[in-house]
C-alpha atoms as a PDB file:
ATOM      1  CA  MET A   1       9.602  40.572   4.092  1.00  0.00           C
ATOM      2  CA  THR A   2      12.951  38.786   4.649  1.00  0.00           C
ATOM      3  CA  ILE A   3      14.655  37.472   7.757  1.00  0.00           C
ATOM      4  CA  GLU A   4      17.010  40.362   7.558  1.00  0.00           C
ATOM      5  CA  GLU A   5      14.201  42.831   7.741  1.00  0.00           C
ATOM      6  CA  ILE A   6      12.530  40.934  10.728  1.00  0.00           C
ATOM      7  CA  ALA A   7      15.852  40.983  12.516  1.00  0.00           C
ATOM      8  CA  GLN A   8      16.171  44.835  11.964  1.00  0.00           C
ATOM      9  CA  LEU A   9      12.640  45.555  13.255  1.00  0.00           C
ATOM     10  CA  ALA A  10      13.246  43.304  16.308  1.00  0.00           C
ATOM     11  CA  GLY A  11      16.779  44.674  16.978  1.00  0.00           C
ATOM     12  CA  VAL A  12      18.381  41.228  16.910  1.00  0.00           C
ATOM     13  CA  SER A  13      20.610  39.068  14.726  1.00  0.00           C
ATOM     14  CA  LYS A  14      19.409  36.906  11.820  1.00  0.00           C
ATOM     15  CA  THR A  15      20.614  33.937  13.841  1.00  0.00           C
ATOM     16  CA  THR A  16      18.207  34.742  16.614  1.00  0.00           C
ATOM     17  CA  VAL A  17      15.234  35.017  14.174  1.00  0.00           C
ATOM     18  CA  SER A  18      16.200  31.775  12.595  1.00  0.00           C
ATOM     19  CA  ARG A  19      16.317  30.140  16.066  1.00  0.00           C
ATOM     20  CA  VAL A  20      12.758  31.303  16.664  1.00  0.00           C
ATOM     21  CA  LEU A  21      11.489  30.171  13.354  1.00  0.00           C
ATOM     22  CA  ASN A  22      12.857  26.743  14.023  1.00  0.00           C
ATOM     23  CA  ASN A  23      11.585  26.695  17.555  1.00  0.00           C
ATOM     24  CA  LYS A  24      14.996  26.381  18.973  1.00  0.00           C
ATOM     25  CA  PRO A  25      15.697  27.069  22.741  1.00  0.00           C
ATOM     26  CA  ASP A  26      17.993  29.705  24.317  1.00  0.00           C
ATOM     27  CA  VAL A  27      15.979  32.753  23.114  1.00  0.00           C
ATOM     28  CA  ASN A  28      14.870  35.178  25.680  1.00  0.00           C
ATOM     29  CA  LYS A  29      11.123  34.957  26.180  1.00  0.00           C
ATOM     30  CA  ALA A  30      10.486  38.660  25.590  1.00  0.00           C
ATOM     31  CA  THR A  31      12.672  38.549  22.460  1.00  0.00           C
ATOM     32  CA  ARG A  32      10.871  35.469  21.218  1.00  0.00           C
ATOM     33  CA  GLU A  33       7.438  37.055  21.666  1.00  0.00           C
ATOM     34  CA  LYS A  34       8.548  40.266  19.877  1.00  0.00           C
ATOM     35  CA  ILE A  35       9.883  38.375  16.858  1.00  0.00           C
ATOM     36  CA  LEU A  36       6.753  36.231  16.681  1.00  0.00           C
ATOM     37  CA  GLN A  37       4.568  39.343  16.805  1.00  0.00           C
ATOM     38  CA  ILE A  38       6.448  40.961  13.992  1.00  0.00           C
ATOM     39  CA  ILE A  39       6.085  37.720  11.996  1.00  0.00           C
ATOM     40  CA  SER A  40       2.328  37.644  12.634  1.00  0.00           C
ATOM     41  CA  ASP A  41       1.826  41.290  11.852  1.00  0.00           C
ATOM     42  CA  ASN A  42       3.631  40.997   8.462  1.00  0.00           C
ATOM     43  CA  ASP A  43       2.311  37.564   7.559  1.00  0.00           C
ATOM     44  CA  PHE A  44       5.820  36.264   7.032  1.00  0.00           C
ATOM     45  CA  GLN A  45       6.117  32.906   5.155  1.00  0.00           C
ATOM     46  CA  PRO A  46       9.570  31.343   5.131  1.00  0.00           C
ATOM     47  CA  ASN A  47      10.724  30.044   1.581  1.00  0.00           C
ATOM     48  CA  ALA A  48      10.313  26.247   1.981  1.00  0.00           C
ATOM     49  CA  PHE A  49      12.861  25.265  -0.687  1.00  0.00           C
ATOM     50  CA  ALA A  50      15.415  27.746   0.458  1.00  0.00           C
ATOM     51  CA  LYS A  51      15.012  26.383   4.008  1.00  0.00           C
ATOM     52  CA  ALA A  52      15.305  22.784   2.654  1.00  0.00           C
ATOM     53  CA  PHE A  53      18.704  23.554   1.048  1.00  0.00           C
ATOM     54  CA  SER A  54      19.941  25.295   4.133  1.00  0.00           C
ATOM     55  CA  LEU A  55      18.843  22.660   6.508  1.00  0.00           C
ATOM     56  CA  GLN A  56      19.073  19.672   4.100  1.00  0.00           C
ATOM     57  CA  LYS A  57      15.479  18.944   5.097  1.00  0.00           C
ATOM     58  CA  SER A  58      12.235  19.602   3.192  1.00  0.00           C
ATOM     59  CA  HIS A  59       9.832  18.113   5.765  1.00  0.00           C
ATOM     60  CA  SER A  60       8.131  16.447   2.731  1.00  0.00           C
ATOM     61  CA  ILE A  61       7.516  12.834   2.073  1.00  0.00           C
ATOM     62  CA  GLY A  62       7.214  11.357  -1.549  1.00  0.00           C
ATOM     63  CA  LEU A  63       4.705   8.649  -2.313  1.00  0.00           C
ATOM     64  CA  ILE A  64       5.990   6.700  -5.307  1.00  0.00           C
ATOM     65  CA  ILE A  65       3.025   5.083  -7.217  1.00  0.00           C
ATOM     66  CA  PRO A  66       4.566   2.680  -9.857  1.00  0.00           C
ATOM     67  CA  TYR A  67       1.118   2.009 -11.512  1.00  0.00           C
ATOM     68  CA  GLU A  68      -1.360   3.786 -13.676  1.00  0.00           C
ATOM     69  CA  ALA A  69      -3.444   6.324 -11.795  1.00  0.00           C
ATOM     70  CA  ASP A  70      -6.725   4.733 -13.017  1.00  0.00           C
ATOM     71  CA  TYR A  71      -5.693   1.385 -11.564  1.00  0.00           C
ATOM     72  CA  ILE A  72      -4.641   2.684  -8.110  1.00  0.00           C
ATOM     73  CA  PHE A  73      -7.409   5.251  -7.645  1.00  0.00           C
ATOM     74  CA  SER A  74     -10.112   2.699  -8.549  1.00  0.00           C
ATOM     75  CA  ASN A  75      -8.938   0.127  -6.114  1.00  0.00           C
ATOM     76  CA  PRO A  76     -10.312   0.823  -2.505  1.00  0.00           C
ATOM     77  CA  PHE A  77      -7.398  -1.116  -0.956  1.00  0.00           C
ATOM     78  CA  TYR A  78      -4.822   1.260  -2.289  1.00  0.00           C
ATOM     79  CA  ILE A  79      -7.068   4.176  -1.263  1.00  0.00           C
ATOM     80  CA  GLU A  80      -7.031   2.909   2.318  1.00  0.00           C
ATOM     81  CA  VAL A  81      -3.106   2.599   2.184  1.00  0.00           C
ATOM     82  CA  MET A  82      -2.879   6.127   1.007  1.00  0.00           C
ATOM     83  CA  ARG A  83      -5.360   7.387   3.672  1.00  0.00           C
ATOM     84  CA  GLY A  84      -3.213   5.786   6.274  1.00  0.00           C
ATOM     85  CA  VAL A  85      -0.078   7.521   4.803  1.00  0.00           C
ATOM     86  CA  SER A  86      -1.613  11.028   4.616  1.00  0.00           C
ATOM     87  CA  THR A  87      -3.125  10.704   8.049  1.00  0.00           C
ATOM     88  CA  GLU A  88       0.210   9.952   9.711  1.00  0.00           C
ATOM     89  CA  ILE A  89       2.073  12.476   7.522  1.00  0.00           C
ATOM     90  CA  ASN A  90      -0.427  15.079   8.873  1.00  0.00           C
ATOM     91  CA  ASN A  91      -0.018  13.992  12.383  1.00  0.00           C
ATOM     92  CA  ARG A  92       3.768  14.321  12.162  1.00  0.00           C
ATOM     93  CA  GLY A  93       3.698  17.813  10.589  1.00  0.00           C
ATOM     94  CA  TYR A  94       4.970  16.770   7.096  1.00  0.00           C
ATOM     95  CA  TYR A  95       3.854  17.388   3.604  1.00  0.00           C
ATOM     96  CA  LEU A  96       3.011  14.721   0.932  1.00  0.00           C
ATOM     97  CA  SER A  97       4.079  14.708  -2.681  1.00  0.00           C
ATOM     98  CA  ILE A  98       2.606  12.071  -5.012  1.00  0.00           C
ATOM     99  CA  CYS A  99       5.124  10.882  -7.630  1.00  0.00           C
ATOM    100  CA  TYR A 100       4.460   8.717 -10.726  1.00  0.00           C
ATOM    101  CA  PRO A 101       7.834   7.467 -11.847  1.00  0.00           C
ATOM    102  CA  LYS A 102       9.046   8.903 -15.120  1.00  0.00           C
ATOM    103  CA  ASP A 103      12.570   9.376 -16.399  1.00  0.00           C
ATOM    104  CA  HIS A 104      13.902   9.121 -12.850  1.00  0.00           C
ATOM    105  CA  ASN A 105      11.880  12.227 -11.755  1.00  0.00           C
ATOM    106  CA  TYR A 106      11.810  10.749  -8.265  1.00  0.00           C
ATOM    107  CA  VAL A 107      15.628  10.652  -8.203  1.00  0.00           C
ATOM    108  CA  ASP A 108      15.689  14.396  -9.199  1.00  0.00           C
ATOM    109  CA  MET A 109      13.159  15.296  -6.433  1.00  0.00           C
ATOM    110  CA  TYR A 110      15.401  13.685  -3.836  1.00  0.00           C
ATOM    111  CA  LYS A 111      18.634  15.324  -5.161  1.00  0.00           C
ATOM    112  CA  GLN A 112      16.811  18.703  -5.184  1.00  0.00           C
ATOM    113  CA  LYS A 113      15.903  18.336  -1.491  1.00  0.00           C
ATOM    114  CA  ARG A 114      12.184  18.507  -2.421  1.00  0.00           C
ATOM    115  CA  VAL A 115      11.455  15.361  -0.391  1.00  0.00           C
ATOM    116  CA  ASP A 116      13.330  13.809   2.548  1.00  0.00           C
ATOM    117  CA  GLY A 117      12.466  10.211   1.657  1.00  0.00           C
ATOM    118  CA  TYR A 118       9.856   7.924  -0.060  1.00  0.00           C
ATOM    119  CA  ILE A 119       7.195   5.449   0.606  1.00  0.00           C
ATOM    120  CA  LEU A 120       7.128   2.953  -2.335  1.00  0.00           C
ATOM    121  CA  MET A 121       3.544   1.832  -2.940  1.00  0.00           C
ATOM    122  CA  SER A 122       3.249  -1.948  -3.390  1.00  0.00           C
ATOM    123  CA  PRO A 123       6.094  -2.581  -5.880  1.00  0.00           C
ATOM    124  CA  GLY A 124       6.378  -5.816  -7.824  1.00  0.00           C
ATOM    125  CA  SER A 125       9.456  -7.708  -9.050  1.00  0.00           C
ATOM    126  CA  PHE A 126       9.245  -5.580 -12.291  1.00  0.00           C
ATOM    127  CA  HIS A 127       9.911  -2.452 -10.344  1.00  0.00           C
ATOM    128  CA  SER A 128      13.563  -3.319  -9.594  1.00  0.00           C
ATOM    129  CA  HIS A 129      14.769  -0.310 -11.540  1.00  0.00           C
ATOM    130  CA  ILE A 130      13.025   2.013  -9.051  1.00  0.00           C
ATOM    131  CA  ILE A 131      14.454   0.261  -6.087  1.00  0.00           C
ATOM    132  CA  GLU A 132      18.009   0.169  -7.467  1.00  0.00           C
ATOM    133  CA  SER A 133      17.755   4.033  -8.313  1.00  0.00           C
ATOM    134  CA  LEU A 134      16.687   4.858  -4.745  1.00  0.00           C
ATOM    135  CA  TYR A 135      19.580   2.762  -3.387  1.00  0.00           C
ATOM    136  CA  GLU A 136      22.029   4.501  -5.780  1.00  0.00           C
ATOM    137  CA  VAL A 137      21.192   8.016  -4.479  1.00  0.00           C
ATOM    138  CA  LYS A 138      20.920   6.801  -0.863  1.00  0.00           C
ATOM    139  CA  ALA A 139      17.258   7.876  -0.605  1.00  0.00           C
ATOM    140  CA  PRO A 140      15.506   6.735   2.505  1.00  0.00           C
ATOM    141  CA  PHE A 141      12.524   4.651   1.670  1.00  0.00           C
ATOM    142  CA  ILE A 142       9.969   2.163   2.981  1.00  0.00           C
ATOM    143  CA  SER A 143       8.167  -0.279   0.734  1.00  0.00           C
ATOM    144  CA  THR A 144       4.544  -1.426   1.345  1.00  0.00           C
ATOM    145  CA  ALA A 145       5.366  -4.683  -0.171  1.00  0.00           C
ATOM    146  CA  HIS A 146       7.955  -7.328   0.591  1.00  0.00           C
ATOM    147  CA  ILE A 147      10.062  -8.550  -2.449  1.00  0.00           C
ATOM    148  CA  PRO A 148      12.161 -11.665  -1.980  1.00  0.00           C
ATOM    149  CA  ASP A 149      14.823 -10.380  -4.379  1.00  0.00           C
ATOM    150  CA  TYR A 150      15.615  -7.529  -1.958  1.00  0.00           C
ATOM    151  CA  PRO A 151      15.745  -9.101   1.459  1.00  0.00           C
ATOM    152  CA  GLU A 152      17.496  -5.978   2.874  1.00  0.00           C
ATOM    153  CA  MET A 153      14.611  -3.642   1.756  1.00  0.00           C
ATOM    154  CA  ILE A 154      12.758  -2.244   4.767  1.00  0.00           C
ATOM    155  CA  SER A 155       8.908  -3.010   4.209  1.00  0.00           C
ATOM    156  CA  VAL A 156       5.564  -3.142   5.877  1.00  0.00           C
ATOM    157  CA  ASP A 157       3.472  -6.007   4.684  1.00  0.00           C
ATOM    158  CA  VAL A 158       1.438  -9.026   5.587  1.00  0.00           C
ATOM    159  CA  ASP A 159       2.284 -12.807   5.126  1.00  0.00           C
ATOM    160  CA  ASN A 160       0.480 -13.426   1.849  1.00  0.00           C
ATOM    161  CA  TYR A 161       1.583 -16.978   1.766  1.00  0.00           C
ATOM    162  CA  VAL A 162      -0.159 -17.583   5.199  1.00  0.00           C
ATOM    163  CA  GLY A 163      -3.185 -15.729   3.890  1.00  0.00           C
ATOM    164  CA  GLY A 164      -3.371 -18.083   0.810  1.00  0.00           C
ATOM    165  CA  ARG A 165      -3.201 -21.035   3.143  1.00  0.00           C
ATOM    166  CA  MET A 166      -5.999 -19.718   5.437  1.00  0.00           C
ATOM    167  CA  LEU A 167      -8.425 -19.201   2.603  1.00  0.00           C
ATOM    168  CA  THR A 168      -7.692 -22.486   0.913  1.00  0.00           C
ATOM    169  CA  GLN A 169      -7.892 -24.412   4.210  1.00  0.00           C
ATOM    170  CA  TYR A 170     -11.214 -22.788   4.868  1.00  0.00           C
ATOM    171  CA  LEU A 171     -12.642 -23.734   1.514  1.00  0.00           C
ATOM    172  CA  MET A 172     -11.478 -27.350   2.074  1.00  0.00           C
ATOM    173  CA  SER A 173     -12.933 -27.524   5.473  1.00  0.00           C
ATOM    174  CA  LEU A 174     -16.357 -26.951   3.653  1.00  0.00           C
ATOM    175  CA  GLY A 175     -15.607 -29.825   1.454  1.00  0.00           C
ATOM    176  CA  HIS A 176     -14.401 -28.147  -1.724  1.00  0.00           C
ATOM    177  CA  LYS A 177     -11.837 -29.971  -3.747  1.00  0.00           C
ATOM    178  CA  THR A 178     -11.959 -28.358  -7.227  1.00  0.00           C
ATOM    179  CA  ILE A 179     -10.909 -24.890  -6.335  1.00  0.00           C
ATOM    180  CA  ALA A 180      -9.864 -22.396  -9.000  1.00  0.00           C
ATOM    181  CA  TYR A 181      -7.269 -19.523  -8.346  1.00  0.00           C
ATOM    182  CA  ILE A 182      -7.322 -16.177 -10.108  1.00  0.00           C
ATOM    183  CA  GLY A 183      -4.300 -13.852  -9.558  1.00  0.00           C
ATOM    184  CA  LYS A 184      -2.249 -10.953 -10.932  1.00  0.00           C
ATOM    185  CA  LEU A 185       0.729 -11.155 -13.087  1.00  0.00           C
ATOM    186  CA  SER A 186       4.172 -10.352 -11.529  1.00  0.00           C
ATOM    187  CA  VAL A 187       2.863  -9.248  -8.178  1.00  0.00           C
ATOM    188  CA  THR A 188       4.711 -10.820  -5.296  1.00  0.00           C
ATOM    189  CA  SER A 189       1.603 -10.815  -3.021  1.00  0.00           C
ATOM    190  CA  SER A 190      -0.528 -12.746  -5.597  1.00  0.00           C
ATOM    191  CA  THR A 191       2.363 -15.267  -6.257  1.00  0.00           C
ATOM    192  CA  ASP A 192       2.740 -15.786  -2.513  1.00  0.00           C
ATOM    193  CA  ARG A 193      -1.035 -16.461  -2.156  1.00  0.00           C
ATOM    194  CA  LEU A 194      -0.857 -18.805  -5.082  1.00  0.00           C
ATOM    195  CA  HIS A 195       1.842 -20.841  -3.418  1.00  0.00           C
ATOM    196  CA  GLY A 196      -0.242 -20.946  -0.183  1.00  0.00           C
ATOM    197  CA  TYR A 197      -3.147 -22.317  -2.129  1.00  0.00           C
ATOM    198  CA  GLN A 198      -0.997 -24.906  -3.929  1.00  0.00           C
ATOM    199  CA  ASP A 199       0.856 -26.151  -0.835  1.00  0.00           C
ATOM    200  CA  THR A 200      -2.381 -26.549   1.087  1.00  0.00           C
ATOM    201  CA  LEU A 201      -3.976 -28.544  -1.681  1.00  0.00           C
ATOM    202  CA  LYS A 202      -0.829 -30.877  -1.750  1.00  0.00           C
ATOM    203  CA  GLU A 203      -0.949 -31.288   2.081  1.00  0.00           C
ATOM    204  CA  ASN A 204      -4.583 -32.450   1.710  1.00  0.00           C
ATOM    205  CA  GLY A 205      -3.861 -34.993  -0.956  1.00  0.00           C
ATOM    206  CA  ILE A 206      -4.900 -32.927  -3.950  1.00  0.00           C
ATOM    207  CA  THR A 207      -2.644 -32.325  -6.912  1.00  0.00           C
ATOM    208  CA  PRO A 208      -2.986 -28.659  -8.021  1.00  0.00           C
ATOM    209  CA  GLU A 209      -4.198 -28.386 -11.630  1.00  0.00           C
ATOM    210  CA  ASP A 210      -2.639 -25.795 -13.820  1.00  0.00           C
ATOM    211  CA  SER A 211      -5.934 -25.454 -15.741  1.00  0.00           C
ATOM    212  CA  LEU A 212      -7.493 -24.102 -12.507  1.00  0.00           C
ATOM    213  CA  VAL A 213      -4.921 -21.348 -12.140  1.00  0.00           C
ATOM    214  CA  LYS A 214      -5.545 -18.242 -14.264  1.00  0.00           C
ATOM    215  CA  ILE A 215      -3.255 -15.098 -14.030  1.00  0.00           C
ATOM    216  CA  SER A 216      -4.378 -11.704 -15.218  1.00  0.00           C
ATOM    217  CA  ASN A 217      -2.249  -8.812 -16.456  1.00  0.00           C
ATOM    218  CA  LEU A 218      -4.534  -6.358 -14.635  1.00  0.00           C
ATOM    219  CA  GLY A 219      -6.309  -7.581 -11.496  1.00  0.00           C
ATOM    220  CA  THR A 220      -9.453  -5.563 -11.990  1.00  0.00           C
ATOM    221  CA  SER A 221     -13.132  -6.514 -11.812  1.00  0.00           C
ATOM    222  CA  ASP A 222     -13.329  -6.746 -15.615  1.00  0.00           C
ATOM    223  CA  SER A 223     -10.436  -9.158 -15.665  1.00  0.00           C
ATOM    224  CA  GLY A 224     -12.061 -11.242 -12.986  1.00  0.00           C
ATOM    225  CA  TYR A 225     -15.142 -11.399 -15.185  1.00  0.00           C
ATOM    226  CA  GLN A 226     -13.260 -12.474 -18.279  1.00  0.00           C
ATOM    227  CA  ILE A 227     -11.180 -15.165 -16.594  1.00  0.00           C
ATOM    228  CA  MET A 228     -14.283 -16.592 -14.709  1.00  0.00           C
ATOM    229  CA  LYS A 229     -16.065 -16.972 -18.108  1.00  0.00           C
ATOM    230  CA  GLU A 230     -13.068 -18.878 -19.405  1.00  0.00           C
ATOM    231  CA  LEU A 231     -12.976 -21.178 -16.331  1.00  0.00           C
ATOM    232  CA  LEU A 232     -16.747 -21.945 -16.640  1.00  0.00           C
ATOM    233  CA  ASN A 233     -16.218 -22.936 -20.324  1.00  0.00           C
ATOM    234  CA  GLU A 234     -13.164 -25.141 -19.554  1.00  0.00           C
ATOM    235  CA  ASN A 235     -14.112 -26.855 -16.274  1.00  0.00           C
ATOM    236  CA  LYS A 236     -17.663 -27.599 -15.328  1.00  0.00           C
ATOM    237  CA  GLU A 237     -16.526 -29.195 -11.964  1.00  0.00           C
ATOM    238  CA  ILE A 238     -15.443 -26.093 -10.250  1.00  0.00           C
ATOM    239  CA  THR A 239     -17.055 -25.655  -6.798  1.00  0.00           C
ATOM    240  CA  ALA A 240     -15.010 -22.769  -5.418  1.00  0.00           C
ATOM    241  CA  VAL A 241     -13.007 -19.783  -6.626  1.00  0.00           C
ATOM    242  CA  PHE A 242     -10.121 -18.037  -4.690  1.00  0.00           C
ATOM    243  CA  ALA A 243      -9.571 -14.625  -6.203  1.00  0.00           C
ATOM    244  CA  ALA A 244      -6.378 -12.963  -5.121  1.00  0.00           C
ATOM    245  CA  SER A 245      -8.106  -9.484  -4.498  1.00  0.00           C
ATOM    246  CA  ASP A 246     -11.530  -8.505  -3.589  1.00  0.00           C
ATOM    247  CA  ILE A 247     -11.734  -6.162  -6.504  1.00  0.00           C
ATOM    248  CA  MET A 248     -11.601  -9.199  -8.905  1.00  0.00           C
ATOM    249  CA  THR A 249     -14.509 -10.963  -7.122  1.00  0.00           C
ATOM    250  CA  GLY A 250     -17.122  -8.487  -8.492  1.00  0.00           C
ATOM    251  CA  GLY A 251     -16.498  -9.680 -11.929  1.00  0.00           C
ATOM    252  CA  VAL A 252     -16.181 -13.337 -10.897  1.00  0.00           C
ATOM    253  CA  ILE A 253     -19.580 -13.244  -9.272  1.00  0.00           C
ATOM    254  CA  LYS A 254     -21.133 -11.554 -12.284  1.00  0.00           C
ATOM    255  CA  ALA A 255     -19.882 -14.102 -14.664  1.00  0.00           C
ATOM    256  CA  ILE A 256     -21.156 -16.920 -12.426  1.00  0.00           C
ATOM    257  CA  LYS A 257     -24.627 -15.416 -12.181  1.00  0.00           C
ATOM    258  CA  GLU A 258     -24.687 -14.797 -16.051  1.00  0.00           C
ATOM    259  CA  ALA A 259     -24.052 -18.436 -16.485  1.00  0.00           C
ATOM    260  CA  GLY A 260     -27.239 -19.219 -14.533  1.00  0.00           C
ATOM    261  CA  LEU A 261     -25.404 -20.299 -11.433  1.00  0.00           C
ATOM    262  CA  ARG A 262     -25.620 -19.154  -7.904  1.00  0.00           C
ATOM    263  CA  VAL A 263     -23.145 -17.922  -5.302  1.00  0.00           C
ATOM    264  CA  PRO A 264     -22.501 -19.707  -3.064  1.00  0.00           C
ATOM    265  CA  GLU A 265     -24.949 -22.552  -3.621  1.00  0.00           C
ATOM    266  CA  ASP A 266     -23.350 -23.669  -6.975  1.00  0.00           C
ATOM    267  CA  ILE A 267     -19.838 -21.998  -6.717  1.00  0.00           C
ATOM    268  CA  SER A 268     -18.284 -20.497  -3.574  1.00  0.00           C
ATOM    269  CA  VAL A 269     -16.211 -17.346  -3.891  1.00  0.00           C
ATOM    270  CA  VAL A 270     -13.548 -15.869  -1.619  1.00  0.00           C
ATOM    271  CA  GLY A 271     -11.384 -12.873  -2.019  1.00  0.00           C
ATOM    272  CA  PHE A 272      -8.513 -11.128  -0.230  1.00  0.00           C
ATOM    273  CA  ASP A 273      -8.037  -7.638   1.295  1.00  0.00           C
ATOM    274  CA  ASP A 274     -11.545  -7.007   2.811  1.00  0.00           C
ATOM    275  CA  ILE A 275     -12.093  -3.593   1.016  1.00  0.00           C
ATOM    276  CA  PRO A 276     -15.069  -1.628   2.387  1.00  0.00           C
ATOM    277  CA  SER A 277     -17.511  -2.712  -0.285  1.00  0.00           C
ATOM    278  CA  SER A 278     -16.905  -6.427   0.468  1.00  0.00           C
ATOM    279  CA  GLU A 279     -19.424  -6.430   3.300  1.00  0.00           C
ATOM    280  CA  TYR A 280     -22.038  -5.078   0.975  1.00  0.00           C
ATOM    281  CA  ALA A 281     -21.486  -7.329  -2.016  1.00  0.00           C
ATOM    282  CA  ASP A 282     -24.176  -9.767  -3.205  1.00  0.00           C
ATOM    283  CA  PRO A 283     -23.647 -12.095  -1.383  1.00  0.00           C
ATOM    284  CA  PRO A 284     -21.402 -10.511   1.325  1.00  0.00           C
ATOM    285  CA  LEU A 285     -17.860 -11.598   0.645  1.00  0.00           C
ATOM    286  CA  THR A 286     -15.895 -14.019   2.636  1.00  0.00           C
ATOM    287  CA  THR A 287     -12.198 -12.733   2.449  1.00  0.00           C
ATOM    288  CA  ILE A 288      -8.886 -12.108   4.270  1.00  0.00           C
ATOM    289  CA  LYS A 289      -8.756  -8.836   5.977  1.00  0.00           C
ATOM    290  CA  GLN A 290      -5.362  -7.111   5.622  1.00  0.00           C
ATOM    291  CA  PRO A 291      -4.954  -3.773   7.516  1.00  0.00           C
ATOM    292  CA  ALA A 292      -4.473  -1.434   4.633  1.00  0.00           C
ATOM    293  CA  PHE A 293      -4.898   1.844   6.573  1.00  0.00           C
ATOM    294  CA  GLN A 294      -2.457   0.544   9.226  1.00  0.00           C
ATOM    295  CA  LYS A 295      -0.092  -0.514   6.505  1.00  0.00           C
ATOM    296  CA  GLY A 296       0.059   3.114   5.308  1.00  0.00           C
ATOM    297  CA  VAL A 297       0.365   4.477   8.957  1.00  0.00           C
ATOM    298  CA  GLU A 298       3.185   2.066   9.841  1.00  0.00           C
ATOM    299  CA  ALA A 299       5.176   2.745   6.638  1.00  0.00           C
ATOM    300  CA  THR A 300       5.008   6.477   7.291  1.00  0.00           C
ATOM    301  CA  LYS A 301       6.053   6.181  10.913  1.00  0.00           C
ATOM    302  CA  MET A 302       9.025   4.046  10.074  1.00  0.00           C
ATOM    303  CA  LEU A 303      10.177   6.363   7.335  1.00  0.00           C
ATOM    304  CA  ILE A 304       9.960   9.611   9.403  1.00  0.00           C
ATOM    305  CA  ASP A 305      11.685   7.805  12.234  1.00  0.00           C
ATOM    306  CA  LEU A 306      14.494   6.840   9.762  1.00  0.00           C
ATOM    307  CA  ILE A 307      14.712  10.447   8.527  1.00  0.00           C
ATOM    308  CA  GLU A 308      14.592  12.101  11.874  1.00  0.00           C
ATOM    309  CA  ASP A 309      16.651   9.654  14.027  1.00  0.00           C
ATOM    310  CA  ASP A 310      18.781   8.071  11.240  1.00  0.00           C
ATOM    311  CA  THR A 311      18.137   4.650  12.825  1.00  0.00           C
ATOM    312  CA  THR A 312      17.205   1.823  10.544  1.00  0.00           C
ATOM    313  CA  PRO A 313      13.947   0.225  11.511  1.00  0.00           C
ATOM    314  CA  GLU A 314      13.116  -3.517  10.977  1.00  0.00           C
ATOM    315  CA  SER A 315      10.555  -4.691   8.486  1.00  0.00           C
ATOM    316  CA  LYS A 316       7.117  -5.396   9.914  1.00  0.00           C
ATOM    317  CA  ILE A 317       4.504  -8.043   9.205  1.00  0.00           C
ATOM    318  CA  LEU A 318       1.058  -7.120  10.060  1.00  0.00           C
ATOM    319  CA  GLU A 319      -1.680  -9.617  11.242  1.00  0.00           C
ATOM    320  CA  LEU A 320      -4.305 -11.163   8.915  1.00  0.00           C
ATOM    321  CA  GLU A 321      -7.886 -12.175   9.775  1.00  0.00           C
ATOM    322  CA  LEU A 322     -10.197 -14.544   8.035  1.00  0.00           C
ATOM    323  CA  ILE A 323     -13.604 -12.759   7.633  1.00  0.00           C
ATOM    324  CA  VAL A 324     -16.363 -15.297   7.056  1.00  0.00           C
ATOM    325  CA  ARG A 325     -19.470 -13.926   5.385  1.00  0.00           C
ATOM    326  CA  LYS A 326     -21.943 -15.598   2.845  1.00  0.00           C
ATOM    327  CA  SER A 327     -20.137 -16.088  -0.340  1.00  0.00           C
ATOM    328  CA  ALA A 328     -18.828 -19.483   0.579  1.00  0.00           C
ATOM    329  CA  THR A 329     -20.731 -22.533   1.722  1.00  0.00           C
ATOM    330  CA  ILE A 330     -20.629 -26.378   2.015  1.00  0.00           C
ATOM    331  CA  ALA A 331     -19.724 -27.966  -1.311  1.00  0.00           C
ATOM    332  CA  LYS A 332     -22.330 -29.987  -3.099  1.00  0.00           C
ATOM    333  CA  LYS A 333     -21.459 -33.746  -2.902  1.00  0.00           C
END
């Protein structure tokens, strides 16, 4: 059934049917009820793409994931961000499309009016080509990570530098001086945490040692395991490890235990993110809690407001919290 046929059955114009379909005012109550009854009786479904072209809106949001699916979907932090995105999209009556960038397919989706805008999931400095392409086609988008090279880019993030300082200061308050840092390559959040770690050491009279900083290409539990084995072979004086993500600490702790050492009695371990499993680690993990779910919610709210109201929102910095559990303790003298 078409809009024309509904209009004929109801004895009204196509414009009136369209106004009812789009919940517009100025339609007689009896006429509205008659049209809705015809729609219901005939199970009428508007053509979403045709409507998108005519209204220049698709009521769909694209989530650009610029990483391998295995990496994203195996990391509970990103799952929480996506849960926040999908929850808010559902609350606002939109649809969600997941997009893995390939040959500018996300640009084509926007040009074809298949999405109204994008949420860009945790981009790094090496994703500048995606950001530039989105700016080129004037696609509305919100990033879930701040990138210094794009100060004008609207983002929802936490202050990772401050988080790095918080964790390092906590370890130093326990008497630790030989603290290793394990991070992820080319990720702004990891770099900012590293700078927070280094500056806090300097302010407390400790010169950061390059040999205690290890950067992984991946940022997985396995990479944490491999790097920790290297650190234990290279430096026997380490008393604490700051891993840039909770997901890496599982491998870190495994390597420490395999070396016949204890956590935290011999080496303290702290992470970042407070993923759901951190509370149940062995031992429970001391970490920085960043609100992953809220990050997804806020990014979605900001994007839909941008699309619907055409007003440019300001970037947001969400609060961090130090969660003290049992994986870190007073350093041995």
